[in-house]
């Protein structure tokens, strides 16, 4: 019996902590010629003047600001005309532009899938993330861990352009899991797998759907012994059970939480999970009990609305920039899958909005929410572009634009343990900045108008990065 596109692809889609101790980031390297072809600004002192600043702290936007970058860090932020700069500073007049912190993608895979392919994006992925303003990613589930480890080395050594990377090892699942994942056979096996990948240098591990409670607890315990953290796309284990096991972060939100499914069996995924959450009251005790457990343990949540949106009829249209980035064959596969969703249905609009309400309620309860694109499923959400789309989608709730900027920047940095260095526009921090044409506070779609992306104080030309991947995303 064939599974529906939604059933078959949504599982792949969704595969494929309280703040951690602060981590030391690598020093800036010497750049290769390949990296330098995208660099537009690289001076000891750069002043971005006459800009609107949304600083990532949740504070209201400030007009007519100057951001002074010195030796790769933010030296000063203040009203235009009040910031003192050196006589040799490179001054960039950005009237009509908005500057936000570099995006921190907490579910940003280095691979991409359609309904017909899964492709490692060692070339297109890092360029597209950076072009879209994403300066830091956590890969959150790897199909080729060594490809990620080596890509991270190439970026850190200056051989390749791309975001700062936090690498996740292979998926940890149970015996019913996909063939490409670590199919655990018990707690001892979980410990062996975790120990191996921790010693190979991964930063995080990700548990997935069919893992058992005992395997998850063993994996978390072993990971923490090695200074590695664990997140999860849950199903067979509920959010509260994962909190009890010591999880650091949980992915995807409501539509993967079996806390409310009275029909589920222990350590098994239930076909009734989504039905169990459709009528939940966000102020009710069931929901608030989950949030209390997470908040008391310091467990954060990653929002990935863009990967659910592609399964909502009426929301499946491909925009021009996505079509331009995709290879022709990948674009054809994406459009065919989208047409099938429109014809046969998928996730209802009301269920999608219920998931958004859950995330808003989590934040209102004091929870720490970050976001990521998860460029999987049938391929409509691309690296970077999906991170930007999350900004637009989260504004369908009662979040302010400034609060959503905080979610997609500062909160991710806090979860990764690097908020002392990046995630907000404050003096002393590394200059990870996104220069946008327009005003995303007033016009949310302006989040897409990336002109320059500064990482460690070096300004990359977003247009050149985008041009480099045109027509290539989805090719093996």
Protein backbone atom coordinates (compact mmCIF):
# COMPACT_ATOMS: atom_id res chain seq x y z
CA UNK A 1 0.00 0.00 0.00
CA UNK A 2 1.51 3.33 -1.04
CA UNK A 3 1.92 6.07 1.54
CA UNK A 4 0.63 9.51 0.60
CA UNK A 5 3.12 12.20 -0.37
CA UNK A 6 2.40 13.93 2.94
CA UNK A 7 2.98 10.81 4.99
CA UNK A 8 6.08 9.70 3.13
CA UNK A 9 7.71 13.07 2.70
CA UNK A 10 6.80 14.77 5.97
CA UNK A 11 8.80 12.17 7.92
CA UNK A 12 11.87 12.86 5.77
CA UNK A 13 11.19 16.57 5.97
CA UNK A 14 11.35 16.71 9.69
CA UNK A 15 14.45 14.57 9.83
CA UNK A 16 16.21 15.17 7.00
CA UNK A 17 19.21 23.92 25.74
CA UNK A 18 18.90 26.18 28.05
CA UNK A 19 21.86 28.37 27.13
CA UNK A 20 25.04 26.37 26.84
CA UNK A 21 28.36 27.36 28.30
CA UNK A 22 29.94 29.98 26.07
CA UNK A 23 32.14 28.56 23.32
CA UNK A 24 35.33 30.01 21.91
CA UNK A 25 34.99 30.95 18.25
CA UNK A 26 37.94 30.55 15.86
CA UNK A 27 40.05 33.51 14.80
CA UNK A 28 39.62 34.92 11.31
CA UNK A 29 41.87 33.11 8.79
CA UNK A 30 43.58 34.25 5.63
CA UNK A 31 41.06 34.00 2.79
CA UNK A 32 41.51 32.06 -0.44
CA UNK A 33 40.88 33.64 -3.83
CA UNK A 34 37.55 31.77 -3.95
CA UNK A 35 36.39 33.52 -0.78
CA UNK A 36 37.75 36.93 -1.80
CA UNK A 37 35.69 36.94 -5.02
CA UNK A 38 32.61 37.56 -2.86
CA UNK A 39 34.14 40.13 -0.48
CA UNK A 40 33.15 43.78 -0.93
CA UNK A 41 34.31 45.29 2.38
CA UNK A 42 37.41 44.25 4.26
CA UNK A 43 39.01 47.21 6.02
CA UNK A 44 40.37 47.74 9.54
CA UNK A 45 37.61 50.27 10.21
CA UNK A 46 34.21 50.46 8.49
CA UNK A 47 31.36 52.79 9.38
CA UNK A 48 27.82 51.90 8.32
CA UNK A 49 26.01 55.22 8.54
CA UNK A 50 22.41 56.49 8.43
CA UNK A 51 20.95 53.03 9.00
CA UNK A 52 17.94 51.72 10.85
CA UNK A 53 19.08 49.21 13.50
CA UNK A 54 17.06 46.29 14.81
CA UNK A 55 19.58 45.02 17.32
CA UNK A 56 18.32 41.52 18.16
CA UNK A 57 17.51 42.21 21.80
CA UNK A 58 13.80 42.71 21.16
CA UNK A 59 14.11 46.48 21.55
CA UNK A 60 12.37 48.82 19.14
CA UNK A 61 14.14 49.74 15.92
CA UNK A 62 16.37 52.82 16.09
CA UNK A 63 16.61 55.27 13.20
CA UNK A 64 19.63 57.17 11.80
CA UNK A 65 22.29 55.06 13.46
CA UNK A 66 25.97 54.50 12.77
CA UNK A 67 27.61 51.11 13.36
CA UNK A 68 31.38 51.33 13.62
CA UNK A 69 33.26 48.12 12.84
CA UNK A 70 36.88 47.93 13.92
CA UNK A 71 39.12 44.88 13.47
CA UNK A 72 36.13 42.63 12.88
CA UNK A 73 34.15 43.71 15.93
CA UNK A 74 31.45 46.24 16.64
CA UNK A 75 33.31 49.14 18.22
CA UNK A 76 30.34 51.46 18.71
CA UNK A 77 26.67 51.89 17.84
CA UNK A 78 25.02 55.29 18.17
CA UNK A 79 23.14 58.16 16.61
CA UNK A 80 24.55 59.30 13.28
CA UNK A 81 27.01 62.13 13.84
CA UNK A 82 27.88 61.09 17.40
CA UNK A 83 30.10 58.09 16.65
CA UNK A 84 33.77 59.00 16.40
CA UNK A 85 35.69 57.20 13.69
CA UNK A 86 39.25 57.26 12.45
CA UNK A 87 40.30 59.43 9.52
CA UNK A 88 40.93 56.30 7.42
CA UNK A 89 37.60 54.64 8.16
CA UNK A 90 35.70 53.36 5.14
CA UNK A 91 32.34 55.10 5.36
CA UNK A 92 29.30 53.43 3.80
CA UNK A 93 26.18 55.59 3.56
CA UNK A 94 23.21 53.23 3.92
CA UNK A 95 20.27 55.61 4.03
CA UNK A 96 17.09 53.64 3.39
CA UNK A 97 18.61 50.41 4.72
CA UNK A 98 18.08 48.35 7.86
CA UNK A 99 20.78 46.41 9.70
CA UNK A 100 19.95 43.33 11.77
CA UNK A 101 22.26 40.76 13.38
CA UNK A 102 23.42 37.83 11.30
CA UNK A 103 20.77 35.12 11.33
CA UNK A 104 21.47 32.05 13.45
CA UNK A 105 19.83 29.00 11.87
CA UNK A 106 19.13 26.27 14.42
CA UNK A 107 17.85 23.65 11.97
CA UNK A 108 19.90 24.35 8.84
CA UNK A 109 20.94 21.13 7.16
CA UNK A 110 23.88 20.87 4.79
CA UNK A 111 21.81 18.62 2.53
CA UNK A 112 18.64 19.21 0.50
CA UNK A 113 15.81 16.91 -0.52
CA UNK A 114 12.96 16.84 -2.99
CA UNK A 115 10.43 14.04 -3.30
CA UNK A 116 12.94 12.29 -5.58
CA UNK A 117 16.46 13.17 -4.36
CA UNK A 118 18.69 13.90 -1.40
CA UNK A 119 21.78 15.95 -2.24
CA UNK A 120 24.71 17.11 -0.12
CA UNK A 121 25.15 20.88 -0.60
CA UNK A 122 28.83 21.40 0.15
CA UNK A 123 29.05 24.09 -2.55
CA UNK A 124 25.59 25.64 -2.89
CA UNK A 125 24.51 25.37 0.75
CA UNK A 126 27.10 27.56 2.47
CA UNK A 127 26.95 30.22 -0.26
CA UNK A 128 23.16 30.38 -0.20
CA UNK A 129 22.97 30.52 3.59
CA UNK A 130 25.48 33.37 3.66
CA UNK A 131 23.81 35.21 0.78
CA UNK A 132 20.54 35.18 2.73
CA UNK A 133 22.14 36.65 5.84
CA UNK A 134 22.63 33.44 7.81
CA UNK A 135 26.04 33.76 9.46
CA UNK A 136 25.78 30.79 11.85
CA UNK A 137 24.11 27.40 11.42
CA UNK A 138 23.60 24.22 13.38
CA UNK A 139 23.09 21.38 10.91
CA UNK A 140 20.69 19.44 13.16
CA UNK A 141 20.92 16.01 11.61
CA UNK A 142 23.52 14.88 9.11
CA UNK A 143 23.36 12.46 6.20
CA UNK A 144 27.12 12.77 5.60
CA UNK A 145 28.80 13.80 8.86
CA UNK A 146 32.32 13.79 7.44
CA UNK A 147 31.25 16.07 4.60
CA UNK A 148 30.03 18.52 7.25
CA UNK A 149 33.12 18.20 9.43
CA UNK A 150 35.34 18.86 6.42
CA UNK A 151 33.18 21.74 5.18
CA UNK A 152 33.40 23.35 8.61
CA UNK A 153 37.20 23.07 8.44
CA UNK A 154 37.24 24.63 4.97
CA UNK A 155 35.16 27.60 6.13
CA UNK A 156 37.16 28.11 9.31
CA UNK A 157 40.46 27.93 7.40
CA UNK A 158 39.32 30.49 4.82
CA UNK A 159 39.25 28.06 1.90
CA UNK A 160 35.48 28.33 1.36
CA UNK A 161 32.84 30.98 2.06
CA UNK A 162 29.99 30.15 4.37
CA UNK A 163 28.41 30.53 7.77
CA UNK A 164 29.91 29.55 11.08
CA UNK A 165 29.01 25.85 11.52
CA UNK A 166 27.95 23.73 14.46
CA UNK A 167 27.99 20.17 13.13
CA UNK A 168 25.50 17.50 14.15
CA UNK A 169 26.29 13.80 13.87
CA UNK A 170 24.09 11.17 12.21
CA UNK A 171 20.48 10.78 13.24
CA UNK A 172 19.92 8.54 16.26
CA UNK A 173 16.76 6.51 15.75
CA UNK A 174 15.33 3.09 16.56
CA UNK A 175 15.13 -0.11 14.57
CA UNK A 176 12.18 1.28 12.55
CA UNK A 177 14.25 4.26 11.40
CA UNK A 178 15.52 5.09 7.92
CA UNK A 179 18.48 3.11 6.50
CA UNK A 180 20.72 6.21 6.41
CA UNK A 181 20.38 6.73 10.18
CA UNK A 182 21.98 5.08 13.19
CA UNK A 183 19.36 2.42 14.01
CA UNK A 184 19.94 1.89 17.70
CA UNK A 185 19.39 -1.53 19.23
CA UNK A 186 19.48 -0.43 22.85
CA UNK A 187 21.12 1.93 25.36
CA UNK A 188 24.61 0.40 25.05
CA UNK A 189 24.54 0.85 21.30
CA UNK A 190 23.42 4.44 21.77
CA UNK A 191 26.41 5.12 24.01
CA UNK A 192 28.86 3.61 21.51
CA UNK A 193 27.52 5.68 18.61
CA UNK A 194 27.52 8.89 20.63
CA UNK A 195 31.04 8.34 21.97
CA UNK A 196 32.40 7.70 18.47
CA UNK A 197 30.93 10.85 16.94
CA UNK A 198 31.80 13.00 19.93
CA UNK A 199 35.42 11.95 19.51
CA UNK A 200 35.19 12.70 15.78
CA UNK A 201 34.34 16.30 16.60
CA UNK A 202 30.59 16.84 16.22
CA UNK A 203 29.07 19.62 18.34
CA UNK A 204 25.55 18.22 18.67
CA UNK A 205 23.62 15.01 18.10
CA UNK A 206 20.00 14.64 17.02
CA UNK A 207 17.58 11.96 18.16
CA UNK A 208 14.83 11.06 15.72
CA UNK A 209 11.25 9.70 15.80
CA UNK A 210 11.55 6.00 16.66
CA UNK A 211 14.19 6.24 19.39
CA UNK A 212 13.14 4.70 22.73
CA UNK A 213 13.17 6.49 26.06
CA UNK A 214 16.01 4.31 27.32
CA UNK A 215 18.10 4.89 24.19
CA UNK A 216 17.48 8.62 24.33
CA UNK A 217 18.47 8.84 28.00
CA UNK A 218 21.66 6.87 27.37
CA UNK A 219 22.55 8.98 24.33
CA UNK A 220 22.07 12.21 26.27
CA UNK A 221 24.06 11.02 29.24
CA UNK A 222 26.97 9.89 27.06
CA UNK A 223 26.89 13.07 24.98
CA UNK A 224 27.04 15.28 28.05
CA UNK A 225 30.07 13.36 29.31
CA UNK A 226 31.85 14.47 26.12
CA UNK A 227 30.64 18.07 26.12
CA UNK A 228 28.19 17.42 23.27
CA UNK A 229 24.54 18.47 23.37
CA UNK A 230 21.45 16.69 22.10
CA UNK A 231 18.35 17.88 20.31
CA UNK A 232 15.50 15.82 18.91
CA UNK A 233 12.69 15.50 16.43
CA UNK A 234 10.39 13.51 18.69
CA UNK A 235 7.49 11.16 18.12
CA UNK A 236 7.98 7.91 20.08
CA UNK A 237 9.11 9.99 23.06
CA UNK A 238 7.06 12.95 24.28
CA UNK A 239 8.45 16.39 25.08
CA UNK A 240 8.07 15.89 28.82
CA UNK A 241 9.72 12.47 28.64
CA UNK A 242 12.62 13.98 26.72
CA UNK A 243 12.97 16.72 29.33
CA UNK A 244 13.13 14.06 32.02
CA UNK A 245 15.87 12.31 30.03
CA UNK A 246 17.96 15.51 30.02
CA UNK A 247 17.44 16.81 26.45
CA UNK A 248 18.96 20.21 25.63
CA UNK A 249 16.71 21.39 22.78
CA UNK A 250 13.59 20.14 20.95
CA UNK A 251 12.79 20.60 17.26
CA UNK A 252 9.64 21.49 15.32
CA UNK A 253 7.18 22.27 18.11
CA UNK A 254 3.58 21.14 18.45
CA UNK A 255 3.24 18.82 15.46
CA UNK A 256 5.87 16.43 16.84
CA UNK A 257 4.76 16.46 20.51
CA UNK A 258 2.99 13.33 21.71
CA UNK A 259 2.42 14.68 25.24
CA UNK A 260 -1.27 15.07 24.39
CA UNK A 261 -1.88 11.79 22.53
CA UNK A 262 -3.78 9.41 24.82
CA UNK A 263 -3.70 6.63 22.20
CA UNK A 264 0.06 6.31 21.89
CA UNK A 265 1.97 3.27 23.09
CA UNK A 266 5.24 3.65 25.04
CA UNK A 267 8.29 4.14 22.78
CA UNK A 268 6.16 4.12 19.61
CA UNK A 269 4.98 6.76 17.17
CA UNK A 270 1.22 7.12 17.03
CA UNK A 271 -0.76 7.82 13.84
CA UNK A 272 -3.05 10.03 15.94
CA UNK A 273 -0.42 12.57 17.00
CA UNK A 274 -1.59 15.45 14.83
CA UNK A 275 -5.25 14.84 15.61
CA UNK A 276 -4.42 14.97 19.32
CA UNK A 277 -3.17 18.56 19.13
CA UNK A 278 -5.82 20.11 16.89
CA UNK A 279 -8.11 21.34 19.68
CA UNK A 280 -5.58 22.12 22.41
CA UNK A 281 -6.13 25.21 24.52
CA UNK A 282 -2.79 27.04 24.78
CA UNK A 283 -3.73 28.38 28.20
CA UNK A 284 -4.84 24.96 29.44
CA UNK A 285 -3.02 22.83 31.98
CA UNK A 286 -1.90 20.18 29.47
CA UNK A 287 0.04 22.69 27.41
CA UNK A 288 1.27 24.72 30.34
CA UNK A 289 2.57 21.57 32.05
CA UNK A 290 4.80 20.91 29.04
CA UNK A 291 6.06 24.47 29.07
CA UNK A 292 6.76 24.39 32.82
CA UNK A 293 8.77 21.20 32.46
CA UNK A 294 10.81 22.65 29.59
CA UNK A 295 11.39 26.02 31.21
CA UNK A 296 12.34 24.63 34.61
CA UNK A 297 14.92 22.38 32.92
CA UNK A 298 16.10 25.15 30.58
CA UNK A 299 15.07 23.25 27.43
CA UNK A 300 14.66 25.43 24.32
CA UNK A 301 12.56 24.87 21.22
CA UNK A 302 13.37 25.30 17.53
CA UNK A 303 10.63 26.68 15.30
CA UNK A 304 10.56 25.43 11.69
CA UNK A 305 7.27 26.75 10.29
CA UNK A 306 8.52 27.04 6.71
CA UNK A 307 8.96 23.27 6.38
CA UNK A 308 5.36 22.68 7.51
CA UNK A 309 4.02 25.49 5.33
CA UNK A 310 4.89 23.63 2.13
CA UNK A 311 2.32 20.97 3.09
CA UNK A 312 -0.51 23.49 3.52
CA UNK A 313 -2.72 23.83 0.41
CA UNK A 314 -2.74 27.42 -0.77
CA UNK A 315 0.82 27.99 0.45
CA UNK A 316 2.77 25.89 -2.04
CA UNK A 317 3.58 28.42 -4.77
CA UNK A 318 7.24 28.64 -5.77
CA UNK A 319 8.64 32.17 -5.96
CA UNK A 320 10.96 33.41 -8.69
CA UNK A 321 14.14 33.43 -6.61
CA UNK A 322 13.63 29.79 -5.55
CA UNK A 323 13.09 28.77 -9.15
CA UNK A 324 16.24 30.65 -10.19
CA UNK A 325 18.34 28.90 -7.54
CA UNK A 326 17.13 25.36 -8.27
CA UNK A 327 18.42 23.12 -11.00
CA UNK A 328 15.74 22.60 -13.68
CA UNK A 329 15.20 18.98 -12.71
CA UNK A 330 14.85 19.82 -9.01
CA UNK A 331 12.42 22.66 -9.79
CA UNK A 332 10.30 20.25 -11.81
CA UNK A 333 10.18 17.78 -8.90
CA UNK A 334 9.24 20.50 -6.42
CA UNK A 335 6.43 21.82 -8.58
CA UNK A 336 5.04 18.32 -9.17
CA UNK A 337 5.00 17.61 -5.43
CA UNK A 338 3.38 20.97 -4.69
CA UNK A 339 0.66 20.23 -7.24
CA UNK A 340 -0.02 16.94 -5.48
CA UNK A 341 -0.46 18.74 -2.15
CA UNK A 342 -2.88 21.17 -3.77
CA UNK A 343 -4.86 18.31 -5.28
CA UNK A 344 -4.91 15.83 -2.39
CA UNK A 345 -4.44 18.04 0.66
CA UNK A 346 -1.92 17.98 3.47
CA UNK A 347 -1.79 19.98 6.69
CA UNK A 348 -4.83 22.19 7.18
CA UNK A 349 -4.45 25.92 7.56
CA UNK A 350 -6.07 25.72 10.99
CA UNK A 351 -3.60 23.08 12.21
CA UNK A 352 -0.73 25.18 10.85
CA UNK A 353 -2.01 28.21 12.77
CA UNK A 354 -2.42 26.03 15.88
CA UNK A 355 1.26 25.15 15.67
CA UNK A 356 2.15 28.85 15.45
CA UNK A 357 -0.05 29.60 18.46
CA UNK A 358 1.81 26.93 20.41
CA UNK A 359 5.16 28.58 19.75
CA UNK A 360 3.84 32.01 20.68
CA UNK A 361 2.41 30.59 23.91
CA UNK A 362 5.76 28.91 24.65
CA UNK A 363 7.54 32.25 24.45
CA UNK A 364 4.85 33.91 26.57
CA UNK A 365 5.48 31.24 29.21
CA UNK A 366 9.14 32.26 29.35
CA UNK A 367 10.45 29.69 26.87
CA UNK A 368 13.48 30.23 24.65
CA UNK A 369 12.48 29.88 20.98
CA UNK A 370 14.91 29.88 18.05
CA UNK A 371 14.30 29.02 14.39
CA UNK A 372 15.65 27.21 11.34
CA UNK A 373 14.70 26.34 7.78
CA UNK A 374 15.06 22.52 7.57
CA UNK A 375 15.58 22.47 3.76
CA UNK A 376 14.04 19.04 3.27
CA UNK A 377 10.57 17.69 2.53
CA UNK A 378 9.84 18.03 -1.17
CA UNK A 379 12.23 20.97 -1.46
CA UNK A 380 10.22 24.18 -1.49
CA UNK A 381 12.18 25.78 1.39
CA UNK A 382 15.77 26.52 0.40
CA UNK A 383 18.75 27.22 2.66
CA UNK A 384 18.66 30.82 3.83
CA UNK A 385 15.50 31.66 1.92
CA UNK A 386 13.54 29.51 4.35
CA UNK A 387 15.22 31.20 7.32
CA UNK A 388 13.95 34.52 5.96
CA UNK A 389 10.48 33.07 5.35
CA UNK A 390 10.33 32.01 9.01
CA UNK A 391 10.49 35.71 9.88
CA UNK A 392 7.44 36.41 7.75
CA UNK A 393 5.48 33.40 9.04
CA UNK A 394 6.13 34.08 12.73
CA UNK A 395 4.64 37.53 12.23
CA UNK A 396 1.30 35.79 11.62
CA UNK A 397 1.19 35.52 15.43
CA UNK A 398 1.26 38.42 17.88
CA UNK A 399 5.04 38.69 17.87
CA UNK A 400 6.43 42.10 16.93
CA UNK A 401 9.01 42.26 14.11
CA UNK A 402 11.69 43.10 16.69
CA UNK A 403 10.76 40.03 18.73
CA UNK A 404 10.97 37.81 15.66
CA UNK A 405 14.40 39.22 14.79
CA UNK A 406 15.43 38.25 18.32
CA UNK A 407 14.12 34.70 17.76
CA UNK A 408 16.04 34.21 14.50
CA UNK A 409 19.28 35.78 15.76
CA UNK A 410 19.98 36.20 19.48
CA UNK A 411 18.02 33.20 20.70
CA UNK A 412 19.88 30.81 18.43
CA UNK A 413 23.19 32.25 19.62
CA UNK A 414 22.11 31.71 23.23
CA UNK A 415 21.27 28.06 22.60
CA UNK A 416 24.63 27.50 20.88
CA UNK A 417 26.49 29.20 23.73
CA UNK A 418 27.92 32.02 21.61
CA UNK A 419 25.74 34.96 22.62
CA UNK A 420 28.72 36.68 24.23
CA UNK A 421 30.16 36.97 20.71
CA UNK A 422 27.27 37.14 18.20
CA UNK A 423 23.49 37.36 17.97
CA UNK A 424 22.92 41.04 18.70
CA UNK A 425 24.28 44.41 17.60
CA UNK A 426 26.22 45.53 20.64
CA UNK A 427 29.65 47.04 21.15
CA UNK A 428 32.34 44.41 21.68
CA UNK A 429 30.66 41.63 19.74
CA UNK A 430 31.83 40.22 16.42
CA UNK A 431 30.39 42.18 13.51
CA UNK A 432 27.91 39.63 12.16
CA UNK A 433 25.43 41.93 10.43
CA UNK A 434 22.88 41.83 7.61
CA UNK A 435 22.28 44.97 5.53
CA UNK A 436 18.74 44.98 4.10
CA UNK A 437 17.31 47.35 1.54
CA UNK A 438 14.11 48.72 3.01
CA UNK A 439 12.43 48.28 6.36
CA UNK A 440 11.33 44.78 7.46
CA UNK A 441 9.64 46.26 10.54
CA UNK A 442 7.10 47.97 8.29
CA UNK A 443 7.30 45.62 5.29
CA UNK A 444 8.17 42.06 6.38
CA UNK A 445 9.11 40.92 2.86
CA UNK A 446 12.07 43.33 2.98
CA UNK A 447 13.82 40.60 5.01
CA UNK A 448 14.56 39.11 1.57
CA UNK A 449 16.35 42.22 0.28
CA UNK A 450 19.85 41.34 1.47
CA UNK A 451 22.55 43.60 0.05
CA UNK A 452 25.58 42.95 2.25
CA UNK A 453 26.32 40.30 4.84
CA UNK A 454 29.06 40.96 7.37
CA UNK A 455 30.63 37.99 9.11
CA UNK A 456 33.48 38.72 11.52
CA UNK A 457 33.50 42.26 10.12
CA UNK A 458 34.03 41.20 6.50
CA UNK A 459 31.31 42.34 4.11
CA UNK A 460 30.14 39.78 1.53
CA UNK A 461 28.23 40.75 -1.60
CA UNK A 462 24.93 38.86 -1.40
CA UNK A 463 24.27 39.22 -5.12
CA UNK A 464 27.58 37.59 -6.07
CA UNK A 465 26.99 34.69 -3.68
CA UNK A 466 23.51 34.18 -5.11
CA UNK A 467 24.79 34.32 -8.68
CA UNK A 468 27.31 31.59 -7.88
CA UNK A 469 24.61 29.05 -7.03
CA UNK A 470 22.04 29.98 -9.69
CA UNK A 471 20.54 26.87 -11.29
CA UNK A 472 22.66 24.53 -9.16
CA UNK A 473 20.71 23.75 -5.98
CA UNK A 474 19.54 20.13 -6.03
CA UNK A 475 22.27 18.78 -8.28
CA UNK A 476 24.45 15.96 -7.01
